Protein backbone atom coordinates (compact mmCIF):
# COMPACT_ATOMS: atom_id res chain seq x y z
CA MET A 1 8.95 -5.13 16.74
CA ARG A 2 9.57 -5.60 13.16
CA LYS A 3 7.51 -9.03 13.07
CA THR A 4 4.69 -7.58 15.06
CA VAL A 5 4.34 -4.78 12.49
CA GLU A 6 4.59 -7.27 9.66
CA VAL A 7 1.73 -9.37 11.23
CA VAL A 8 -0.42 -6.44 11.64
CA GLY A 9 0.31 -5.22 8.20
CA LEU A 10 -0.66 -8.64 6.80
CA PHE A 11 -3.69 -8.66 8.88
CA LEU A 12 -4.99 -5.58 7.55
CA VAL A 13 -4.23 -6.50 4.03
CA ALA A 14 -6.24 -9.67 4.66
CA GLU A 15 -9.18 -7.87 6.27
CA GLY A 16 -9.36 -5.40 3.56
CA ILE A 17 -9.53 -7.89 0.67
CA SER A 18 -11.84 -10.22 2.69
CA GLY A 19 -14.15 -7.18 3.36
CA VAL A 20 -14.32 -6.71 -0.40
CA ILE A 21 -15.09 -10.27 -1.06
CA ASP A 22 -17.68 -10.37 1.62
CA HIS A 23 -19.33 -7.10 0.31
CA LEU A 24 -19.38 -8.29 -3.35
CA TRP A 25 -20.16 -11.96 -2.77
CA TYR A 26 -19.82 -14.03 0.25
CA GLN A 27 -16.58 -14.87 2.60
CA PRO A 28 -16.59 -18.54 3.46
CA ILE A 29 -13.40 -18.57 5.26
CA PHE A 30 -12.63 -16.86 8.56
CA GLY A 31 -15.72 -14.42 8.03
CA PHE A 32 -16.17 -13.75 11.61
CA VAL A 33 -12.61 -12.55 11.98
CA LEU A 34 -11.42 -11.00 8.76
CA ASN A 35 -14.77 -9.09 8.34
CA PHE A 36 -14.67 -6.96 11.61
CA VAL A 37 -14.17 -3.72 9.67
CA ASN A 38 -16.87 -4.61 7.15
CA ARG A 39 -19.46 -5.59 9.53
CA VAL A 40 -18.82 -3.44 12.74
CA VAL A 41 -16.70 -0.42 11.88
CA ILE A 42 -18.20 0.54 8.43
CA PRO A 43 -21.84 0.46 9.40
CA ARG A 44 -21.40 2.84 12.38
CA LEU A 45 -19.58 5.38 10.12
CA ASP A 46 -22.45 7.24 8.41
CA PHE A 47 -20.22 8.89 5.76
CA LEU A 48 -19.00 5.47 4.49
CA THR A 49 -22.47 4.39 3.57
CA GLY A 50 -22.39 3.49 0.03
CA HIS A 51 -18.66 3.47 -0.13
CA GLU A 52 -18.11 -0.01 1.66
CA VAL A 53 -15.75 -1.53 -1.28
CA VAL A 54 -13.58 1.68 -1.23
CA ALA A 55 -13.34 1.69 2.61
CA ASN A 56 -12.32 -1.99 2.72
CA LEU A 57 -9.75 -1.52 -0.26
CA ALA A 58 -8.45 1.49 1.80
CA VAL A 59 -7.99 -0.88 4.63
CA ALA A 60 -5.95 -3.29 2.47
CA VAL A 61 -3.87 -0.30 1.07
CA LEU A 62 -3.17 0.85 4.67
CA GLY A 63 -2.00 -2.79 5.45
CA GLY A 64 0.33 -2.77 2.33
CA LEU A 65 1.79 0.58 3.55
CA VAL A 66 2.23 -0.96 7.11
CA LEU A 67 4.16 -3.78 5.35
CA LEU A 68 6.41 -1.25 3.47
CA ALA A 69 7.07 0.39 6.56
CA SER A 70 8.19 -3.02 8.26
CA THR A 71 10.66 -3.23 5.51
CA GLY A 72 12.03 -0.05 6.34
CA LEU A 73 12.31 -1.33 9.87
CA ARG A 74 14.16 -4.34 8.69
CA SER A 75 16.82 -2.26 6.91
CA ALA A 76 17.11 0.06 9.97
CA ASP A 77 17.52 -3.15 12.23
CA ALA A 78 20.34 -4.37 9.96
CA ALA A 79 22.28 -1.06 10.22
């Protein structure tokens, strides 16, 4: 379970950072996978129009929080 949470957190961090890079410049590596939020989710939510960079950074922060939660799971598994 802990490894699954770590993988999800790492993917969200990569997705958020990749979305910021794609919005500001161009993402040459795995853009079709890592920019799902930037290219599919954000354009469909009207309140995020004009705030794409902030939304992608929020995804990266969410991924960081999930990674922190996985370290909490690690210490709980050890006890």
